[in-house]
């Protein structure tokens, strides 16, 4: 029998999918968003597509941009600590 892992229960794909973020935040009653990314996505403006949308809708957020490709256990633990602090 195969194992199954579900990382999230909601996924949007395709053109305009990013615009669903605000509705999901509002439906979930979230008041502060933790944006987890890597330095290159920040550098090339990819993260800004999300943070600009959050700012435009007056949603408080924190950006954690220290994610590494193939993260180490320490990298994950540091991210979890940053999330808890947020």
PDB file of N, CA and C in Angstrom:
ATOM      1  N   UNK A   1       0.844  -1.180   0.000  1.00  0.00           N
ATOM      2  CA  UNK A   1       0.000   0.000   0.000  1.00  0.00           C
ATOM      3  C   UNK A   1       0.891   1.246   0.000  1.00  0.00           C
ATOM      4  N   UNK A   2       0.543   2.209  -0.818  1.00  0.00           N
ATOM      5  CA  UNK A   2       1.325   3.447  -0.938  1.00  0.00           C
ATOM      6  C   UNK A   2       0.983   4.415   0.182  1.00  0.00           C
ATOM      7  N   UNK A   3       1.975   5.176   0.588  1.00  0.00           N
ATOM      8  CA  UNK A   3       1.759   6.246   1.560  1.00  0.00           C
ATOM      9  C   UNK A   3       1.301   7.488   0.817  1.00  0.00           C
ATOM     10  N   UNK A   4       0.559   8.306   1.518  1.00  0.00           N
ATOM     11  CA  UNK A   4       0.067   9.533   0.906  1.00  0.00           C
ATOM     12  C   UNK A   4       0.309  10.687   1.861  1.00  0.00           C
ATOM     13  N   UNK A   5       0.836  11.768   1.339  1.00  0.00           N
ATOM     14  CA  UNK A   5       1.065  12.981   2.120  1.00  0.00           C
ATOM     15  C   UNK A   5       0.299  14.104   1.450  1.00  0.00           C
ATOM     16  N   UNK A   6      -0.486  14.836   2.220  1.00  0.00           N
ATOM     17  CA  UNK A   6      -1.203  16.000   1.713  1.00  0.00           C
ATOM     18  C   UNK A   6      -0.589  17.223   2.386  1.00  0.00           C
ATOM     19  N   UNK A   7       0.064  18.056   1.594  1.00  0.00           N
ATOM     20  CA  UNK A   7       0.746  19.215   2.151  1.00  0.00           C
ATOM     21  C   UNK A   7      -0.192  20.391   2.390  1.00  0.00           C
ATOM     22  N   UNK A   8      -1.213  20.487   1.614  1.00  0.00           N
ATOM     23  CA  UNK A   8      -2.208  21.531   1.835  1.00  0.00           C
ATOM     24  C   UNK A   8      -3.542  21.041   1.294  1.00  0.00           C
ATOM     25  N   UNK A   9      -4.581  21.687   1.697  1.00  0.00           N
ATOM     26  CA  UNK A   9      -5.891  21.237   1.248  1.00  0.00           C
ATOM     27  C   UNK A   9      -6.462  22.090   0.119  1.00  0.00           C
ATOM     28  N   UNK A  10      -5.808  23.197  -0.186  1.00  0.00           N
ATOM     29  CA  UNK A  10      -6.312  24.097  -1.218  1.00  0.00           C
ATOM     30  C   UNK A  10      -5.176  24.472  -2.157  1.00  0.00           C
ATOM     31  N   UNK A  11      -5.401  24.312  -3.432  1.00  0.00           N
ATOM     32  CA  UNK A  11      -4.414  24.707  -4.438  1.00  0.00           C
ATOM     33  C   UNK A  11      -5.135  25.383  -5.595  1.00  0.00           C
ATOM     34  N   UNK A  12      -4.571  26.469  -6.064  1.00  0.00           N
ATOM     35  CA  UNK A  12      -5.077  27.152  -7.247  1.00  0.00           C
ATOM     36  C   UNK A  12      -3.972  27.130  -8.290  1.00  0.00           C
ATOM     37  N   UNK A  13      -4.346  26.936  -9.542  1.00  0.00           N
ATOM     38  CA  UNK A  13      -3.368  26.880 -10.623  1.00  0.00           C
ATOM     39  C   UNK A  13      -3.888  27.683 -11.804  1.00  0.00           C
ATOM     40  N   UNK A  14      -2.952  28.220 -12.573  1.00  0.00           N
ATOM     41  CA  UNK A  14      -3.323  28.883 -13.814  1.00  0.00           C
ATOM     42  C   UNK A  14      -3.375  30.393 -13.702  1.00  0.00           C
ATOM     43  N   UNK A  15      -3.723  31.008 -14.812  1.00  0.00           N
ATOM     44  CA  UNK A  15      -3.787  32.467 -14.891  1.00  0.00           C
ATOM     45  C   UNK A  15      -4.729  33.032 -13.841  1.00  0.00           C
ATOM     46  N   UNK A  16      -4.259  34.015 -13.119  1.00  0.00           N
ATOM     47  CA  UNK A  16      -5.090  34.681 -12.122  1.00  0.00           C
ATOM     48  C   UNK A  16      -5.152  33.989 -10.771  1.00  0.00           C
ATOM     49  N   UNK A  17      -4.480  32.852 -10.625  1.00  0.00           N
ATOM     50  CA  UNK A  17      -4.546  32.103  -9.368  1.00  0.00           C
ATOM     51  C   UNK A  17      -4.075  32.934  -8.176  1.00  0.00           C
ATOM     52  N   UNK A  18      -3.111  33.797  -8.389  1.00  0.00           N
ATOM     53  CA  UNK A  18      -2.579  34.618  -7.296  1.00  0.00           C
ATOM     54  C   UNK A  18      -3.671  35.496  -6.669  1.00  0.00           C
ATOM     55  N   UNK A  19      -4.660  35.859  -7.450  1.00  0.00           N
ATOM     56  CA  UNK A  19      -5.726  36.723  -6.948  1.00  0.00           C
ATOM     57  C   UNK A  19      -6.631  36.029  -5.940  1.00  0.00           C
ATOM     58  N   UNK A  20      -6.509  34.721  -5.811  1.00  0.00           N
ATOM     59  CA  UNK A  20      -7.305  33.970  -4.839  1.00  0.00           C
ATOM     60  C   UNK A  20      -6.734  34.070  -3.426  1.00  0.00           C
ATOM     61  N   UNK A  21      -5.508  34.561  -3.310  1.00  0.00           N
ATOM     62  CA  UNK A  21      -4.845  34.629  -2.006  1.00  0.00           C
ATOM     63  C   UNK A  21      -5.665  35.438  -1.008  1.00  0.00           C
ATOM     64  N   UNK A  22      -6.117  36.597  -1.408  1.00  0.00           N
ATOM     65  CA  UNK A  22      -6.828  37.486  -0.483  1.00  0.00           C
ATOM     66  C   UNK A  22      -8.119  36.837   0.016  1.00  0.00           C
ATOM     67  N   UNK A  23      -8.858  36.210  -0.866  1.00  0.00           N
ATOM     68  CA  UNK A  23     -10.078  35.524  -0.451  1.00  0.00           C
ATOM     69  C   UNK A  23      -9.802  34.422   0.551  1.00  0.00           C
ATOM     70  N   UNK A  24      -8.739  33.660   0.328  1.00  0.00           N
ATOM     71  CA  UNK A  24      -8.378  32.586   1.257  1.00  0.00           C
ATOM     72  C   UNK A  24      -7.978  33.152   2.615  1.00  0.00           C
ATOM     73  N   UNK A  25      -7.255  34.243   2.608  1.00  0.00           N
ATOM     74  CA  UNK A  25      -6.855  34.888   3.859  1.00  0.00           C
ATOM     75  C   UNK A  25      -8.091  35.362   4.620  1.00  0.00           C
ATOM     76  N   UNK A  26      -8.992  36.009   3.915  1.00  0.00           N
ATOM     77  CA  UNK A  26     -10.206  36.516   4.554  1.00  0.00           C
ATOM     78  C   UNK A  26     -11.094  35.384   5.073  1.00  0.00           C
ATOM     79  N   UNK A  27     -11.277  34.348   4.264  1.00  0.00           N
ATOM     80  CA  UNK A  27     -12.108  33.211   4.693  1.00  0.00           C
ATOM     81  C   UNK A  27     -11.512  32.502   5.906  1.00  0.00           C
ATOM     82  N   UNK A  28     -10.198  32.466   5.962  1.00  0.00           N
ATOM     83  CA  UNK A  28      -9.525  31.810   7.087  1.00  0.00           C
ATOM     84  C   UNK A  28      -9.435  32.673   8.329  1.00  0.00           C
ATOM     85  N   UNK A  29      -9.743  33.952   8.192  1.00  0.00           N
ATOM     86  CA  UNK A  29      -9.679  34.854   9.332  1.00  0.00           C
ATOM     87  C   UNK A  29      -8.259  35.171   9.780  1.00  0.00           C
ATOM     88  N   UNK A  30      -7.298  35.026   8.873  1.00  0.00           N
ATOM     89  CA  UNK A  30      -5.901  35.271   9.222  1.00  0.00           C
ATOM     90  C   UNK A  30      -5.629  36.766   9.346  1.00  0.00           C
ATOM     91  N   UNK A  31      -4.815  37.134  10.300  1.00  0.00           N
ATOM     92  CA  UNK A  31      -4.511  38.546  10.513  1.00  0.00           C
ATOM     93  C   UNK A  31      -3.050  38.892  10.243  1.00  0.00           C
ATOM     94  N   UNK A  32      -2.216  37.882  10.110  1.00  0.00           N
ATOM     95  CA  UNK A  32      -0.787  38.101   9.855  1.00  0.00           C
ATOM     96  C   UNK A  32      -0.285  36.918   9.026  1.00  0.00           C
ATOM     97  N   UNK A  33       0.328  37.208   7.895  1.00  0.00           N
ATOM     98  CA  UNK A  33       0.769  36.178   6.969  1.00  0.00           C
ATOM     99  C   UNK A  33       2.289  36.032   7.032  1.00  0.00           C
ATOM    100  N   UNK A  34       2.747  34.787   7.072  1.00  0.00           N
ATOM    101  CA  UNK A  34       4.177  34.464   7.053  1.00  0.00           C
ATOM    102  C   UNK A  34       4.527  34.031   5.634  1.00  0.00           C
ATOM    103  N   UNK A  35       5.300  34.854   4.935  1.00  0.00           N
ATOM    104  CA  UNK A  35       5.690  34.573   3.553  1.00  0.00           C
ATOM    105  C   UNK A  35       7.080  33.960   3.584  1.00  0.00           C
ATOM    106  N   UNK A  36       7.161  32.715   3.174  1.00  0.00           N
ATOM    107  CA  UNK A  36       8.400  31.949   3.219  1.00  0.00           C
ATOM    108  C   UNK A  36       8.966  31.851   1.806  1.00  0.00           C
ATOM    109  N   UNK A  37      10.196  32.319   1.602  1.00  0.00           N
ATOM    110  CA  UNK A  37      10.758  32.402   0.260  1.00  0.00           C
ATOM    111  C   UNK A  37      12.275  32.268   0.313  1.00  0.00           C
ATOM    112  N   UNK A  38      12.917  32.427  -0.816  1.00  0.00           N
ATOM    113  CA  UNK A  38      14.383  32.410  -0.842  1.00  0.00           C
ATOM    114  C   UNK A  38      14.905  33.733  -1.389  1.00  0.00           C
ATOM    115  N   UNK A  39      16.183  34.028  -1.154  1.00  0.00           N
ATOM    116  CA  UNK A  39      16.732  35.329  -1.566  1.00  0.00           C
ATOM    117  C   UNK A  39      16.584  35.626  -3.061  1.00  0.00           C
ATOM    118  N   UNK A  40      16.728  34.618  -3.905  1.00  0.00           N
ATOM    119  CA  UNK A  40      16.622  34.871  -5.349  1.00  0.00           C
ATOM    120  C   UNK A  40      15.208  35.260  -5.764  1.00  0.00           C
ATOM    121  N   UNK A  41      14.198  34.649  -5.157  1.00  0.00           N
ATOM    122  CA  UNK A  41      12.812  35.029  -5.496  1.00  0.00           C
ATOM    123  C   UNK A  41      12.535  36.469  -5.070  1.00  0.00           C
ATOM    124  N   UNK A  42      13.149  36.902  -3.981  1.00  0.00           N
ATOM    125  CA  UNK A  42      13.027  38.309  -3.571  1.00  0.00           C
ATOM    126  C   UNK A  42      13.773  39.187  -4.575  1.00  0.00           C
ATOM    127  N   UNK A  43      15.001  38.817  -4.877  1.00  0.00           N
ATOM    128  CA  UNK A  43      15.855  39.590  -5.789  1.00  0.00           C
ATOM    129  C   UNK A  43      15.214  39.815  -7.156  1.00  0.00           C
ATOM    130  N   UNK A  44      14.544  38.797  -7.677  1.00  0.00           N
ATOM    131  CA  UNK A  44      13.966  38.893  -9.014  1.00  0.00           C
ATOM    132  C   UNK A  44      12.502  39.332  -9.015  1.00  0.00           C
ATOM    133  N   UNK A  45      11.991  39.744  -7.865  1.00  0.00           N
ATOM    134  CA  UNK A  45      10.652  40.328  -7.798  1.00  0.00           C
ATOM    135  C   UNK A  45       9.494  39.347  -7.759  1.00  0.00           C
ATOM    136  N   UNK A  46       9.785  38.069  -7.632  1.00  0.00           N
ATOM    137  CA  UNK A  46       8.710  37.081  -7.606  1.00  0.00           C
ATOM    138  C   UNK A  46       7.925  37.180  -6.298  1.00  0.00           C
ATOM    139  N   UNK A  47       8.625  37.308  -5.191  1.00  0.00           N
ATOM    140  CA  UNK A  47       7.966  37.429  -3.888  1.00  0.00           C
ATOM    141  C   UNK A  47       7.102  38.683  -3.834  1.00  0.00           C
ATOM    142  N   UNK A  48       7.544  39.735  -4.494  1.00  0.00           N
ATOM    143  CA  UNK A  48       6.796  40.997  -4.496  1.00  0.00           C
ATOM    144  C   UNK A  48       5.407  40.852  -5.106  1.00  0.00           C
ATOM    145  N   UNK A  49       5.227  39.878  -5.984  1.00  0.00           N
ATOM    146  CA  UNK A  49       3.898  39.667  -6.555  1.00  0.00           C
ATOM    147  C   UNK A  49       2.895  39.338  -5.450  1.00  0.00           C
ATOM    148  N   UNK A  50       3.356  38.630  -4.437  1.00  0.00           N
ATOM    149  CA  UNK A  50       2.497  38.284  -3.302  1.00  0.00           C
ATOM    150  C   UNK A  50       2.467  39.423  -2.291  1.00  0.00           C
ATOM    151  N   UNK A  51       3.624  39.935  -1.905  1.00  0.00           N
ATOM    152  CA  UNK A  51       3.657  40.970  -0.870  1.00  0.00           C
ATOM    153  C   UNK A  51       2.978  42.258  -1.334  1.00  0.00           C
ATOM    154  N   UNK A  52       3.084  42.589  -2.609  1.00  0.00           N
ATOM    155  CA  UNK A  52       2.384  43.774  -3.125  1.00  0.00           C
ATOM    156  C   UNK A  52       0.864  43.598  -2.985  1.00  0.00           C
ATOM    157  N   UNK A  53       0.392  42.405  -3.262  1.00  0.00           N
ATOM    158  CA  UNK A  53      -1.027  42.099  -3.134  1.00  0.00           C
ATOM    159  C   UNK A  53      -1.471  42.203  -1.667  1.00  0.00           C
ATOM    160  N   UNK A  54      -0.631  41.712  -0.770  1.00  0.00           N
ATOM    161  CA  UNK A  54      -0.946  41.810   0.664  1.00  0.00           C
ATOM    162  C   UNK A  54      -0.979  43.272   1.106  1.00  0.00           C
ATOM    163  N   UNK A  55       0.031  44.040   0.682  1.00  0.00           N
ATOM    164  CA  UNK A  55       0.065  45.467   1.040  1.00  0.00           C
ATOM    165  C   UNK A  55      -1.158  46.199   0.513  1.00  0.00           C
ATOM    166  N   UNK A  56      -1.492  45.955  -0.729  1.00  0.00           N
ATOM    167  CA  UNK A  56      -2.638  46.615  -1.368  1.00  0.00           C
ATOM    168  C   UNK A  56      -3.928  46.356  -0.583  1.00  0.00           C
ATOM    169  N   UNK A  57      -4.018  45.197   0.063  1.00  0.00           N
ATOM    170  CA  UNK A  57      -5.213  44.820   0.808  1.00  0.00           C
ATOM    171  C   UNK A  57      -5.052  45.003   2.313  1.00  0.00           C
ATOM    172  N   UNK A  58      -4.017  45.752   2.700  1.00  0.00           N
ATOM    173  CA  UNK A  58      -3.764  46.077   4.116  1.00  0.00           C
ATOM    174  C   UNK A  58      -3.692  44.841   5.005  1.00  0.00           C
ATOM    175  N   UNK A  59      -3.003  43.827   4.526  1.00  0.00           N
ATOM    176  CA  UNK A  59      -2.816  42.605   5.296  1.00  0.00           C
ATOM    177  C   UNK A  59      -1.388  42.585   5.821  1.00  0.00           C
ATOM    178  N   UNK A  60      -1.255  42.457   7.123  1.00  0.00           N
ATOM    179  CA  UNK A  60       0.055  42.429   7.767  1.00  0.00           C
ATOM    180  C   UNK A  60       0.775  41.136   7.399  1.00  0.00           C
ATOM    181  N   UNK A  61       2.094  41.254   7.133  1.00  0.00           N
ATOM    182  CA  UNK A  61       2.862  40.066   6.771  1.00  0.00           C
ATOM    183  C   UNK A  61       4.310  40.203   7.207  1.00  0.00           C
ATOM    184  N   UNK A  62       4.965  39.071   7.314  1.00  0.00           N
ATOM    185  CA  UNK A  62       6.391  38.989   7.582  1.00  0.00           C
ATOM    186  C   UNK A  62       7.007  38.127   6.496  1.00  0.00           C
ATOM    187  N   UNK A  63       8.141  38.583   5.947  1.00  0.00           N
ATOM    188  CA  UNK A  63       8.838  37.815   4.925  1.00  0.00           C
ATOM    189  C   UNK A  63      10.041  37.133   5.569  1.00  0.00           C
ATOM    190  N   UNK A  64      10.123  35.825   5.386  1.00  0.00           N
ATOM    191  CA  UNK A  64      11.298  35.043   5.790  1.00  0.00           C
ATOM    192  C   UNK A  64      11.951  34.584   4.494  1.00  0.00           C
ATOM    193  N   UNK A  65      13.144  35.123   4.203  1.00  0.00           N
ATOM    194  CA  UNK A  65      13.767  34.880   2.901  1.00  0.00           C
ATOM    195  C   UNK A  65      15.084  34.108   2.988  1.00  0.00           C
ATOM    196  N   UNK A  66      15.177  33.240   3.959  1.00  0.00           N
ATOM    197  CA  UNK A  66      16.425  32.501   4.147  1.00  0.00           C
ATOM    198  C   UNK A  66      16.311  31.023   3.755  1.00  0.00           C
ATOM    199  N   UNK A  67      15.336  30.685   2.941  1.00  0.00           N
ATOM    200  CA  UNK A  67      15.168  29.305   2.503  1.00  0.00           C
ATOM    201  C   UNK A  67      16.248  28.976   1.462  1.00  0.00           C
ATOM    202  N   UNK A  68      16.838  27.807   1.605  1.00  0.00           N
ATOM    203  CA  UNK A  68      17.878  27.358   0.683  1.00  0.00           C
ATOM    204  C   UNK A  68      17.330  26.222  -0.187  1.00  0.00           C
ATOM    205  N   UNK A  69      17.880  26.083  -1.401  1.00  0.00           N
ATOM    206  CA  UNK A  69      17.509  24.905  -2.198  1.00  0.00           C
ATOM    207  C   UNK A  69      17.923  23.650  -1.422  1.00  0.00           C
ATOM    208  N   UNK A  70      17.113  22.632  -1.442  1.00  0.00           N
ATOM    209  CA  UNK A  70      17.401  21.417  -0.684  1.00  0.00           C
ATOM    210  C   UNK A  70      17.784  21.774   0.755  1.00  0.00           C
ATOM    211  N   UNK A  71      16.862  22.366   1.494  1.00  0.00           N
ATOM    212  CA  UNK A  71      17.178  22.890   2.831  1.00  0.00           C
ATOM    213  C   UNK A  71      17.685  21.816   3.780  1.00  0.00           C
ATOM    214  N   UNK A  72      18.614  22.245   4.614  1.00  0.00           N
ATOM    215  CA  UNK A  72      19.139  21.371   5.664  1.00  0.00           C
ATOM    216  C   UNK A  72      18.133  21.331   6.810  1.00  0.00           C
ATOM    217  N   UNK A  73      18.337  20.405   7.718  1.00  0.00           N
ATOM    218  CA  UNK A  73      17.483  20.340   8.903  1.00  0.00           C
ATOM    219  C   UNK A  73      17.571  21.660   9.665  1.00  0.00           C
ATOM    220  N   UNK A  74      18.783  22.209   9.772  1.00  0.00           N
ATOM    221  CA  UNK A  74      18.956  23.487  10.480  1.00  0.00           C
ATOM    222  C   UNK A  74      18.198  24.610   9.793  1.00  0.00           C
ATOM    223  N   UNK A  75      18.210  24.630   8.473  1.00  0.00           N
ATOM    224  CA  UNK A  75      17.487  25.655   7.721  1.00  0.00           C
ATOM    225  C   UNK A  75      15.988  25.571   8.009  1.00  0.00           C
ATOM    226  N   UNK A  76      15.471  24.353   8.051  1.00  0.00           N
ATOM    227  CA  UNK A  76      14.050  24.157   8.359  1.00  0.00           C
ATOM    228  C   UNK A  76      13.758  24.580   9.801  1.00  0.00           C
ATOM    229  N   UNK A  77      14.618  24.190  10.723  1.00  0.00           N
ATOM    230  CA  UNK A  77      14.415  24.567  12.127  1.00  0.00           C
ATOM    231  C   UNK A  77      14.460  26.078  12.303  1.00  0.00           C
ATOM    232  N   UNK A  78      15.357  26.745  11.598  1.00  0.00           N
ATOM    233  CA  UNK A  78      15.431  28.211  11.654  1.00  0.00           C
ATOM    234  C   UNK A  78      14.151  28.837  11.104  1.00  0.00           C
ATOM    235  N   UNK A  79      13.618  28.274  10.028  1.00  0.00           N
ATOM    236  CA  UNK A  79      12.362  28.765   9.459  1.00  0.00           C
ATOM    237  C   UNK A  79      11.197  28.583  10.408  1.00  0.00           C
ATOM    238  N   UNK A  80      11.146  27.440  11.071  1.00  0.00           N
ATOM    239  CA  UNK A  80      10.079  27.191  12.048  1.00  0.00           C
ATOM    240  C   UNK A  80      10.183  28.182  13.201  1.00  0.00           C
ATOM    241  N   UNK A  81      11.405  28.438  13.660  1.00  0.00           N
ATOM    242  CA  UNK A  81      11.600  29.403  14.752  1.00  0.00           C
ATOM    243  C   UNK A  81      11.146  30.790  14.323  1.00  0.00           C
ATOM    244  N   UNK A  82      11.462  31.184  13.083  1.00  0.00           N
ATOM    245  CA  UNK A  82      11.037  32.493  12.568  1.00  0.00           C
ATOM    246  C   UNK A  82       9.519  32.569  12.493  1.00  0.00           C
ATOM    247  N   UNK A  83       8.887  31.469  12.074  1.00  0.00           N
ATOM    248  CA  UNK A  83       7.414  31.420  12.011  1.00  0.00           C
ATOM    249  C   UNK A  83       6.825  31.590  13.402  1.00  0.00           C
ATOM    250  N   UNK A  84       7.354  30.878  14.367  1.00  0.00           N
ATOM    251  CA  UNK A  84       6.826  30.971  15.737  1.00  0.00           C
ATOM    252  C   UNK A  84       7.012  32.373  16.301  1.00  0.00           C
ATOM    253  N   UNK A  85       8.136  33.011  15.985  1.00  0.00           N
ATOM    254  CA  UNK A  85       8.402  34.378  16.441  1.00  0.00           C
ATOM    255  C   UNK A  85       7.446  35.373  15.790  1.00  0.00           C
ATOM    256  N   UNK A  86       7.096  35.111  14.546  1.00  0.00           N
ATOM    257  CA  UNK A  86       6.190  35.966  13.782  1.00  0.00           C
ATOM    258  C   UNK A  86       4.832  35.976  14.436  1.00  0.00           C
TER     259      UNK A  86
END
